């Protein structure tokens, strides 16, 4: 990432995309698994807060390479975490209410 501000914007936009899709699913299918969708939203908010905490509080090492690696890891975790949240939403949408 080029700088911290862009990383924070990327975190917000990707996580809010997941939340937006959850709300869209809830509006289109109000009777299908509302508790699971609410859980995904809650996990997405907690994930966003965790990533912001990690961005705002990097390790206190004085090695510039260590700081760069820290932010690269946050970026990788953002990608994998958002993918997992979308997979959970997809699995909820595949389930049918009985």
PDB file of N, CA and C in Angstrom:
ATOM      1  N   UNK A   1       0.850  -1.178   0.000  1.00  0.00           N
ATOM      2  CA  UNK A   1       0.000   0.000   0.000  1.00  0.00           C
ATOM      3  C   UNK A   1       0.891   1.234   0.000  1.00  0.00           C
ATOM      4  N   UNK A   2       0.398   2.257  -0.669  1.00  0.00           N
ATOM      5  CA  UNK A   2       1.193   3.473  -0.791  1.00  0.00           C
ATOM      6  C   UNK A   2       1.264   4.235   0.521  1.00  0.00           C
ATOM      7  N   UNK A   3       0.155   4.318   1.221  1.00  0.00           N
ATOM      8  CA  UNK A   3       0.193   4.990   2.512  1.00  0.00           C
ATOM      9  C   UNK A   3      -0.938   4.492   3.406  1.00  0.00           C
ATOM     10  N   UNK A   4      -0.897   4.922   4.633  1.00  0.00           N
ATOM     11  CA  UNK A   4      -1.860   4.442   5.630  1.00  0.00           C
ATOM     12  C   UNK A   4      -3.267   4.898   5.304  1.00  0.00           C
ATOM     13  N   UNK A   5      -3.409   6.109   4.810  1.00  0.00           N
ATOM     14  CA  UNK A   5      -4.744   6.628   4.495  1.00  0.00           C
ATOM     15  C   UNK A   5      -5.427   5.769   3.427  1.00  0.00           C
ATOM     16  N   UNK A   6      -4.684   5.385   2.407  1.00  0.00           N
ATOM     17  CA  UNK A   6      -5.269   4.537   1.363  1.00  0.00           C
ATOM     18  C   UNK A   6      -5.621   3.155   1.898  1.00  0.00           C
ATOM     19  N   UNK A   7      -4.804   2.644   2.787  1.00  0.00           N
ATOM     20  CA  UNK A   7      -5.098   1.351   3.390  1.00  0.00           C
ATOM     21  C   UNK A   7      -6.381   1.418   4.204  1.00  0.00           C
ATOM     22  N   UNK A   8      -6.551   2.475   4.973  1.00  0.00           N
ATOM     23  CA  UNK A   8      -7.776   2.630   5.759  1.00  0.00           C
ATOM     24  C   UNK A   8      -8.997   2.765   4.863  1.00  0.00           C
ATOM     25  N   UNK A   9      -8.870   3.498   3.763  1.00  0.00           N
ATOM     26  CA  UNK A   9      -9.986   3.632   2.828  1.00  0.00           C
ATOM     27  C   UNK A   9     -10.320   2.293   2.187  1.00  0.00           C
ATOM     28  N   UNK A  10      -9.296   1.511   1.881  1.00  0.00           N
ATOM     29  CA  UNK A  10      -9.522   0.187   1.302  1.00  0.00           C
ATOM     30  C   UNK A  10     -10.240  -0.717   2.298  1.00  0.00           C
ATOM     31  N   UNK A  11      -9.837  -0.648   3.555  1.00  0.00           N
ATOM     32  CA  UNK A  11     -10.497  -1.448   4.589  1.00  0.00           C
ATOM     33  C   UNK A  11     -11.967  -1.065   4.682  1.00  0.00           C
ATOM     34  N   UNK A  12     -12.235   0.227   4.775  1.00  0.00           N
ATOM     35  CA  UNK A  12     -13.624   0.679   4.879  1.00  0.00           C
ATOM     36  C   UNK A  12     -14.449   0.263   3.668  1.00  0.00           C
ATOM     37  N   UNK A  13     -13.934   0.482   2.479  1.00  0.00           N
ATOM     38  CA  UNK A  13     -14.739   0.194   1.288  1.00  0.00           C
ATOM     39  C   UNK A  13     -15.005  -1.295   1.132  1.00  0.00           C
ATOM     40  N   UNK A  14     -14.018  -2.132   1.400  1.00  0.00           N
ATOM     41  CA  UNK A  14     -14.210  -3.576   1.234  1.00  0.00           C
ATOM     42  C   UNK A  14     -15.159  -4.135   2.286  1.00  0.00           C
ATOM     43  N   UNK A  15     -15.021  -3.697   3.523  1.00  0.00           N
ATOM     44  CA  UNK A  15     -15.888  -4.214   4.584  1.00  0.00           C
ATOM     45  C   UNK A  15     -17.316  -3.680   4.403  1.00  0.00           C
ATOM     46  N   UNK A  16     -17.450  -2.421   4.020  1.00  0.00           N
ATOM     47  CA  UNK A  16     -18.786  -1.876   3.802  1.00  0.00           C
ATOM     48  C   UNK A  16     -19.467  -2.519   2.599  1.00  0.00           C
ATOM     49  N   UNK A  17     -18.691  -3.018   1.657  1.00  0.00           N
ATOM     50  CA  UNK A  17     -19.254  -3.752   0.537  1.00  0.00           C
ATOM     51  C   UNK A  17     -19.907  -5.046   1.030  1.00  0.00           C
ATOM     52  N   UNK A  18     -19.245  -5.725   1.946  1.00  0.00           N
ATOM     53  CA  UNK A  18     -19.803  -6.947   2.538  1.00  0.00           C
ATOM     54  C   UNK A  18     -21.081  -6.613   3.299  1.00  0.00           C
ATOM     55  N   UNK A  19     -21.033  -5.565   4.102  1.00  0.00           N
ATOM     56  CA  UNK A  19     -22.200  -5.188   4.899  1.00  0.00           C
ATOM     57  C   UNK A  19     -23.363  -4.798   3.991  1.00  0.00           C
ATOM     58  N   UNK A  20     -23.072  -4.076   2.935  1.00  0.00           N
ATOM     59  CA  UNK A  20     -24.108  -3.673   1.986  1.00  0.00           C
ATOM     60  C   UNK A  20     -24.756  -4.893   1.339  1.00  0.00           C
ATOM     61  N   UNK A  21     -23.952  -5.872   0.963  1.00  0.00           N
ATOM     62  CA  UNK A  21     -24.509  -7.086   0.381  1.00  0.00           C
ATOM     63  C   UNK A  21     -25.359  -7.849   1.394  1.00  0.00           C
ATOM     64  N   UNK A  22     -24.965  -7.823   2.643  1.00  0.00           N
ATOM     65  CA  UNK A  22     -25.756  -8.478   3.690  1.00  0.00           C
ATOM     66  C   UNK A  22     -27.121  -7.794   3.837  1.00  0.00           C
ATOM     67  N   UNK A  23     -27.122  -6.468   3.844  1.00  0.00           N
ATOM     68  CA  UNK A  23     -28.393  -5.746   3.948  1.00  0.00           C
ATOM     69  C   UNK A  23     -29.260  -5.986   2.715  1.00  0.00           C
ATOM     70  N   UNK A  24     -28.655  -6.038   1.553  1.00  0.00           N
ATOM     71  CA  UNK A  24     -29.412  -6.311   0.330  1.00  0.00           C
ATOM     72  C   UNK A  24     -30.039  -7.696   0.396  1.00  0.00           C
ATOM     73  N   UNK A  25     -29.266  -8.682   0.833  1.00  0.00           N
ATOM     74  CA  UNK A  25     -29.796 -10.032   0.979  1.00  0.00           C
ATOM     75  C   UNK A  25     -30.942 -10.061   1.980  1.00  0.00           C
ATOM     76  N   UNK A  26     -30.783  -9.352   3.086  1.00  0.00           N
ATOM     77  CA  UNK A  26     -31.831  -9.326   4.112  1.00  0.00           C
ATOM     78  C   UNK A  26     -33.107  -8.691   3.590  1.00  0.00           C
ATOM     79  N   UNK A  27     -32.980  -7.673   2.751  1.00  0.00           N
ATOM     80  CA  UNK A  27     -34.168  -7.025   2.193  1.00  0.00           C
ATOM     81  C   UNK A  27     -34.859  -7.908   1.166  1.00  0.00           C
ATOM     82  N   UNK A  28     -34.082  -8.628   0.376  1.00  0.00           N
ATOM     83  CA  UNK A  28     -34.670  -9.480  -0.658  1.00  0.00           C
ATOM     84  C   UNK A  28     -35.224 -10.781  -0.099  1.00  0.00           C
ATOM     85  N   UNK A  29     -34.624 -11.266   0.975  1.00  0.00           N
ATOM     86  CA  UNK A  29     -35.029 -12.536   1.580  1.00  0.00           C
ATOM     87  C   UNK A  29     -35.188 -12.358   3.085  1.00  0.00           C
ATOM     88  N   UNK A  30     -36.229 -11.666   3.530  1.00  0.00           N
ATOM     89  CA  UNK A  30     -36.339 -11.368   4.967  1.00  0.00           C
ATOM     90  C   UNK A  30     -36.581 -12.595   5.842  1.00  0.00           C
ATOM     91  N   UNK A  31     -37.090 -13.682   5.269  1.00  0.00           N
ATOM     92  CA  UNK A  31     -37.397 -14.858   6.076  1.00  0.00           C
ATOM     93  C   UNK A  31     -36.278 -15.892   6.095  1.00  0.00           C
ATOM     94  N   UNK A  32     -35.243 -15.708   5.296  1.00  0.00           N
ATOM     95  CA  UNK A  32     -34.170 -16.702   5.199  1.00  0.00           C
ATOM     96  C   UNK A  32     -32.985 -16.347   6.082  1.00  0.00           C
ATOM     97  N   UNK A  33     -32.821 -17.053   7.169  1.00  0.00           N
ATOM     98  CA  UNK A  33     -31.637 -16.988   8.034  1.00  0.00           C
ATOM     99  C   UNK A  33     -31.254 -15.575   8.480  1.00  0.00           C
ATOM    100  N   UNK A  34     -32.159 -14.827   9.084  1.00  0.00           N
ATOM    101  CA  UNK A  34     -31.807 -13.457   9.488  1.00  0.00           C
ATOM    102  C   UNK A  34     -30.726 -13.417  10.575  1.00  0.00           C
ATOM    103  N   UNK A  35     -30.697 -14.426  11.441  1.00  0.00           N
ATOM    104  CA  UNK A  35     -29.696 -14.435  12.507  1.00  0.00           C
ATOM    105  C   UNK A  35     -28.288 -14.645  11.954  1.00  0.00           C
ATOM    106  N   UNK A  36     -28.163 -15.485  10.940  1.00  0.00           N
ATOM    107  CA  UNK A  36     -26.844 -15.725  10.351  1.00  0.00           C
ATOM    108  C   UNK A  36     -26.339 -14.486   9.630  1.00  0.00           C
ATOM    109  N   UNK A  37     -27.220 -13.780   8.943  1.00  0.00           N
ATOM    110  CA  UNK A  37     -26.822 -12.557   8.230  1.00  0.00           C
ATOM    111  C   UNK A  37     -26.411 -11.486   9.239  1.00  0.00           C
ATOM    112  N   UNK A  38     -27.136 -11.381  10.328  1.00  0.00           N
ATOM    113  CA  UNK A  38     -26.776 -10.431  11.379  1.00  0.00           C
ATOM    114  C   UNK A  38     -25.414 -10.786  11.979  1.00  0.00           C
ATOM    115  N   UNK A  39     -25.141 -12.061  12.123  1.00  0.00           N
ATOM    116  CA  UNK A  39     -23.841 -12.504  12.620  1.00  0.00           C
ATOM    117  C   UNK A  39     -22.708 -12.136  11.675  1.00  0.00           C
ATOM    118  N   UNK A  40     -22.960 -12.236  10.378  1.00  0.00           N
ATOM    119  CA  UNK A  40     -21.940 -11.864   9.393  1.00  0.00           C
ATOM    120  C   UNK A  40     -21.663 -10.372   9.478  1.00  0.00           C
ATOM    121  N   UNK A  41     -22.704  -9.575   9.620  1.00  0.00           N
ATOM    122  CA  UNK A  41     -22.535  -8.122   9.743  1.00  0.00           C
ATOM    123  C   UNK A  41     -21.726  -7.795  10.991  1.00  0.00           C
ATOM    124  N   UNK A  42     -22.057  -8.437  12.094  1.00  0.00           N
ATOM    125  CA  UNK A  42     -21.332  -8.207  13.343  1.00  0.00           C
ATOM    126  C   UNK A  42     -19.863  -8.597  13.207  1.00  0.00           C
ATOM    127  N   UNK A  43     -19.611  -9.738  12.585  1.00  0.00           N
ATOM    128  CA  UNK A  43     -18.225 -10.174  12.379  1.00  0.00           C
ATOM    129  C   UNK A  43     -17.471  -9.227  11.451  1.00  0.00           C
ATOM    130  N   UNK A  44     -18.158  -8.681  10.453  1.00  0.00           N
ATOM    131  CA  UNK A  44     -17.522  -7.738   9.532  1.00  0.00           C
ATOM    132  C   UNK A  44     -17.113  -6.458  10.261  1.00  0.00           C
ATOM    133  N   UNK A  45     -17.973  -5.976  11.138  1.00  0.00           N
ATOM    134  CA  UNK A  45     -17.650  -4.766  11.904  1.00  0.00           C
ATOM    135  C   UNK A  45     -16.472  -5.037  12.839  1.00  0.00           C
ATOM    136  N   UNK A  46     -16.479  -6.171  13.497  1.00  0.00           N
ATOM    137  CA  UNK A  46     -15.364  -6.523  14.383  1.00  0.00           C
ATOM    138  C   UNK A  46     -14.065  -6.696  13.597  1.00  0.00           C
ATOM    139  N   UNK A  47     -14.156  -7.276  12.416  1.00  0.00           N
ATOM    140  CA  UNK A  47     -12.991  -7.454  11.547  1.00  0.00           C
ATOM    141  C   UNK A  47     -12.423  -6.094  11.143  1.00  0.00           C
ATOM    142  N   UNK A  48     -13.296  -5.171  10.769  1.00  0.00           N
ATOM    143  CA  UNK A  48     -12.870  -3.819  10.391  1.00  0.00           C
ATOM    144  C   UNK A  48     -12.179  -3.127  11.560  1.00  0.00           C
ATOM    145  N   UNK A  49     -12.770  -3.226  12.741  1.00  0.00           N
ATOM    146  CA  UNK A  49     -12.178  -2.589  13.915  1.00  0.00           C
ATOM    147  C   UNK A  49     -10.812  -3.186  14.256  1.00  0.00           C
ATOM    148  N   UNK A  50     -10.681  -4.501  14.100  1.00  0.00           N
ATOM    149  CA  UNK A  50      -9.399  -5.152  14.355  1.00  0.00           C
ATOM    150  C   UNK A  50      -8.333  -4.678  13.370  1.00  0.00           C
ATOM    151  N   UNK A  51      -8.702  -4.592  12.097  1.00  0.00           N
ATOM    152  CA  UNK A  51      -7.732  -4.130  11.100  1.00  0.00           C
ATOM    153  C   UNK A  51      -7.325  -2.684  11.360  1.00  0.00           C
ATOM    154  N   UNK A  52      -8.282  -1.836  11.724  1.00  0.00           N
ATOM    155  CA  UNK A  52      -7.943  -0.446  12.022  1.00  0.00           C
ATOM    156  C   UNK A  52      -7.020  -0.358  13.225  1.00  0.00           C
ATOM    157  N   UNK A  53      -7.251  -1.188  14.220  1.00  0.00           N
ATOM    158  CA  UNK A  53      -6.381  -1.196  15.393  1.00  0.00           C
ATOM    159  C   UNK A  53      -4.962  -1.594  14.981  1.00  0.00           C
ATOM    160  N   UNK A  54      -4.850  -2.590  14.127  1.00  0.00           N
ATOM    161  CA  UNK A  54      -3.534  -3.026  13.674  1.00  0.00           C
ATOM    162  C   UNK A  54      -2.839  -1.959  12.831  1.00  0.00           C
ATOM    163  N   UNK A  55      -3.609  -1.222  12.021  1.00  0.00           N
ATOM    164  CA  UNK A  55      -3.012  -0.158  11.208  1.00  0.00           C
ATOM    165  C   UNK A  55      -2.552   0.992  12.089  1.00  0.00           C
ATOM    166  N   UNK A  56      -3.361   1.351  13.069  1.00  0.00           N
ATOM    167  CA  UNK A  56      -3.036   2.484  13.927  1.00  0.00           C
ATOM    168  C   UNK A  56      -1.964   2.175  14.960  1.00  0.00           C
ATOM    169  N   UNK A  57      -1.739   0.899  15.246  1.00  0.00           N
ATOM    170  CA  UNK A  57      -0.767   0.507  16.272  1.00  0.00           C
ATOM    171  C   UNK A  57       0.209  -0.519  15.729  1.00  0.00           C
ATOM    172  N   UNK A  58       1.087  -0.117  14.809  1.00  0.00           N
ATOM    173  CA  UNK A  58       2.057  -1.092  14.299  1.00  0.00           C
ATOM    174  C   UNK A  58       3.053  -1.470  15.384  1.00  0.00           C
ATOM    175  N   UNK A  59       3.763  -2.536  15.120  1.00  0.00           N
ATOM    176  CA  UNK A  59       4.774  -2.937  16.098  1.00  0.00           C
ATOM    177  C   UNK A  59       5.783  -1.806  16.270  1.00  0.00           C
ATOM    178  N   UNK A  60       6.367  -1.725  17.419  1.00  0.00           N
ATOM    179  CA  UNK A  60       7.255  -0.610  17.755  1.00  0.00           C
ATOM    180  C   UNK A  60       8.699  -0.844  17.323  1.00  0.00           C
ATOM    181  N   UNK A  61       8.878  -1.693  16.355  1.00  0.00           N
ATOM    182  CA  UNK A  61      10.225  -1.930  15.857  1.00  0.00           C
ATOM    183  C   UNK A  61      10.692  -0.713  15.074  1.00  0.00           C
ATOM    184  N   UNK A  62      11.965  -0.454  15.120  1.00  0.00           N
ATOM    185  CA  UNK A  62      12.515   0.691  14.402  1.00  0.00           C
ATOM    186  C   UNK A  62      12.957   0.313  12.997  1.00  0.00           C
ATOM    187  N   UNK A  63      12.802  -0.935  12.638  1.00  0.00           N
ATOM    188  CA  UNK A  63      13.197  -1.412  11.326  1.00  0.00           C
ATOM    189  C   UNK A  63      12.130  -1.018  10.298  1.00  0.00           C
ATOM    190  N   UNK A  64      12.470  -0.187   9.311  1.00  0.00           N
ATOM    191  CA  UNK A  64      11.475   0.214   8.307  1.00  0.00           C
ATOM    192  C   UNK A  64      10.934  -0.967   7.508  1.00  0.00           C
ATOM    193  N   UNK A  65      11.740  -1.972   7.300  1.00  0.00           N
ATOM    194  CA  UNK A  65      11.266  -3.157   6.596  1.00  0.00           C
ATOM    195  C   UNK A  65      10.225  -3.914   7.388  1.00  0.00           C
ATOM    196  N   UNK A  66      10.365  -3.886   8.707  1.00  0.00           N
ATOM    197  CA  UNK A  66       9.376  -4.545   9.552  1.00  0.00           C
ATOM    198  C   UNK A  66       8.038  -3.843   9.515  1.00  0.00           C
ATOM    199  N   UNK A  67       8.065  -2.535   9.459  1.00  0.00           N
ATOM    200  CA  UNK A  67       6.821  -1.762   9.373  1.00  0.00           C
ATOM    201  C   UNK A  67       6.148  -2.021   8.035  1.00  0.00           C
ATOM    202  N   UNK A  68       6.940  -2.032   6.977  1.00  0.00           N
ATOM    203  CA  UNK A  68       6.387  -2.280   5.642  1.00  0.00           C
ATOM    204  C   UNK A  68       5.765  -3.674   5.581  1.00  0.00           C
ATOM    205  N   UNK A  69       6.442  -4.654   6.142  1.00  0.00           N
ATOM    206  CA  UNK A  69       5.914  -6.021   6.173  1.00  0.00           C
ATOM    207  C   UNK A  69       4.631  -6.089   6.993  1.00  0.00           C
ATOM    208  N   UNK A  70       4.564  -5.304   8.058  1.00  0.00           N
ATOM    209  CA  UNK A  70       3.360  -5.267   8.894  1.00  0.00           C
ATOM    210  C   UNK A  70       2.154  -4.805   8.075  1.00  0.00           C
ATOM    211  N   UNK A  71       2.317  -3.724   7.332  1.00  0.00           N
ATOM    212  CA  UNK A  71       1.206  -3.194   6.533  1.00  0.00           C
ATOM    213  C   UNK A  71       0.872  -4.106   5.360  1.00  0.00           C
ATOM    214  N   UNK A  72       1.848  -4.783   4.804  1.00  0.00           N
ATOM    215  CA  UNK A  72       1.570  -5.750   3.750  1.00  0.00           C
ATOM    216  C   UNK A  72       0.763  -6.921   4.289  1.00  0.00           C
ATOM    217  N   UNK A  73       1.073  -7.331   5.516  1.00  0.00           N
ATOM    218  CA  UNK A  73       0.311  -8.418   6.136  1.00  0.00           C
ATOM    219  C   UNK A  73      -1.125  -7.984   6.421  1.00  0.00           C
ATOM    220  N   UNK A  74      -1.310  -6.753   6.868  1.00  0.00           N
ATOM    221  CA  UNK A  74      -2.668  -6.239   7.087  1.00  0.00           C
ATOM    222  C   UNK A  74      -3.447  -6.261   5.780  1.00  0.00           C
ATOM    223  N   UNK A  75      -2.809  -5.879   4.687  1.00  0.00           N
ATOM    224  CA  UNK A  75      -3.468  -5.877   3.389  1.00  0.00           C
ATOM    225  C   UNK A  75      -3.849  -7.295   2.961  1.00  0.00           C
ATOM    226  N   UNK A  76      -2.961  -8.256   3.184  1.00  0.00           N
ATOM    227  CA  UNK A  76      -3.271  -9.647   2.859  1.00  0.00           C
ATOM    228  C   UNK A  76      -4.414 -10.166   3.720  1.00  0.00           C
ATOM    229  N   UNK A  77      -4.397  -9.813   5.006  1.00  0.00           N
ATOM    230  CA  UNK A  77      -5.467 -10.239   5.902  1.00  0.00           C
ATOM    231  C   UNK A  77      -6.803  -9.626   5.502  1.00  0.00           C
ATOM    232  N   UNK A  78      -6.764  -8.395   4.995  1.00  0.00           N
ATOM    233  CA  UNK A  78      -7.984  -7.755   4.501  1.00  0.00           C
ATOM    234  C   UNK A  78      -8.561  -8.566   3.352  1.00  0.00           C
ATOM    235  N   UNK A  79      -7.737  -8.934   2.402  1.00  0.00           N
ATOM    236  CA  UNK A  79      -8.217  -9.701   1.255  1.00  0.00           C
ATOM    237  C   UNK A  79      -8.806 -11.044   1.678  1.00  0.00           C
ATOM    238  N   UNK A  80      -8.081 -11.764   2.503  1.00  0.00           N
ATOM    239  CA  UNK A  80      -8.559 -13.085   2.904  1.00  0.00           C
ATOM    240  C   UNK A  80      -9.791 -12.999   3.803  1.00  0.00           C
ATOM    241  N   UNK A  81      -9.833 -12.007   4.691  1.00  0.00           N
ATOM    242  CA  UNK A  81     -10.977 -11.860   5.586  1.00  0.00           C
ATOM    243  C   UNK A  81     -12.255 -11.491   4.849  1.00  0.00           C
ATOM    244  N   UNK A  82     -12.144 -10.602   3.887  1.00  0.00           N
ATOM    245  CA  UNK A  82     -13.320 -10.214   3.103  1.00  0.00           C
ATOM    246  C   UNK A  82     -13.800 -11.392   2.267  1.00  0.00           C
ATOM    247  N   UNK A  83     -12.882 -12.150   1.701  1.00  0.00           N
ATOM    248  CA  UNK A  83     -13.269 -13.337   0.938  1.00  0.00           C
ATOM    249  C   UNK A  83     -14.029 -14.318   1.818  1.00  0.00           C
ATOM    250  N   UNK A  84     -13.567 -14.521   3.043  1.00  0.00           N
ATOM    251  CA  UNK A  84     -14.248 -15.438   3.956  1.00  0.00           C
ATOM    252  C   UNK A  84     -15.646 -14.939   4.307  1.00  0.00           C
ATOM    253  N   UNK A  85     -15.784 -13.627   4.511  1.00  0.00           N
ATOM    254  CA  UNK A  85     -17.101 -13.073   4.816  1.00  0.00           C
ATOM    255  C   UNK A  85     -18.064 -13.248   3.639  1.00  0.00           C
ATOM    256  N   UNK A  86     -17.576 -13.022   2.422  1.00  0.00           N
ATOM    257  CA  UNK A  86     -18.416 -13.228   1.244  1.00  0.00           C
ATOM    258  C   UNK A  86     -18.779 -14.702   1.073  1.00  0.00           C
ATOM    259  N   UNK A  87     -17.857 -15.595   1.382  1.00  0.00           N
ATOM    260  CA  UNK A  87     -18.156 -17.022   1.298  1.00  0.00           C
ATOM    261  C   UNK A  87     -19.239 -17.405   2.299  1.00  0.00           C
ATOM    262  N   UNK A  88     -19.179 -16.826   3.491  1.00  0.00           N
ATOM    263  CA  UNK A  88     -20.219 -17.104   4.487  1.00  0.00           C
ATOM    264  C   UNK A  88     -21.578 -16.615   4.007  1.00  0.00           C
ATOM    265  N   UNK A  89     -21.606 -15.428   3.401  1.00  0.00           N
ATOM    266  CA  UNK A  89     -22.868 -14.909   2.883  1.00  0.00           C
ATOM    267  C   UNK A  89     -23.378 -15.782   1.744  1.00  0.00           C
ATOM    268  N   UNK A  90     -22.494 -16.258   0.910  1.00  0.00           N
ATOM    269  CA  UNK A  90     -22.898 -17.144  -0.181  1.00  0.00           C
ATOM    270  C   UNK A  90     -23.472 -18.445   0.351  1.00  0.00           C
ATOM    271  N   UNK A  91     -22.858 -18.980   1.396  1.00  0.00           N
ATOM    272  CA  UNK A  91     -23.372 -20.230   1.962  1.00  0.00           C
ATOM    273  C   UNK A  91     -24.734 -20.014   2.615  1.00  0.00           C
ATOM    274  N   UNK A  92     -24.953 -18.850   3.197  1.00  0.00           N
ATOM    275  CA  UNK A  92     -26.265 -18.550   3.783  1.00  0.00           C
ATOM    276  C   UNK A  92     -27.303 -18.441   2.681  1.00  0.00           C
ATOM    277  N   UNK A  93     -26.936 -17.840   1.566  1.00  0.00           N
ATOM    278  CA  UNK A  93     -27.900 -17.660   0.490  1.00  0.00           C
ATOM    279  C   UNK A  93     -28.234 -18.983  -0.194  1.00  0.00           C
ATOM    280  N   UNK A  94     -27.324 -19.946  -0.111  1.00  0.00           N
ATOM    281  CA  UNK A  94     -27.590 -21.266  -0.695  1.00  0.00           C
ATOM    282  C   UNK A  94     -28.528 -22.094   0.164  1.00  0.00           C
ATOM    283  N   UNK A  95     -28.533 -21.821   1.463  1.00  0.00           N
ATOM    284  CA  UNK A  95     -29.425 -22.554   2.361  1.00  0.00           C
ATOM    285  C   UNK A  95     -30.850 -22.072   2.152  1.00  0.00           C
ATOM    286  N   UNK A  96     -31.764 -22.975   2.252  1.00  0.00           N
ATOM    287  CA  UNK A  96     -33.175 -22.611   2.133  1.00  0.00           C
ATOM    288  C   UNK A  96     -33.850 -22.830   3.469  1.00  0.00           C
ATOM    289  N   UNK A  97     -34.725 -21.925   3.794  1.00  0.00           N
ATOM    290  CA  UNK A  97     -35.458 -22.052   5.061  1.00  0.00           C
ATOM    291  C   UNK A  97     -36.460 -23.173   4.920  1.00  0.00           C
ATOM    292  N   UNK A  98     -36.517 -23.983   5.937  1.00  0.00           N
ATOM    293  CA  UNK A  98     -37.438 -25.144   5.899  1.00  0.00           C
ATOM    294  C   UNK A  98     -38.718 -24.804   6.589  1.00  0.00           C
TER     295      UNK A  98
END
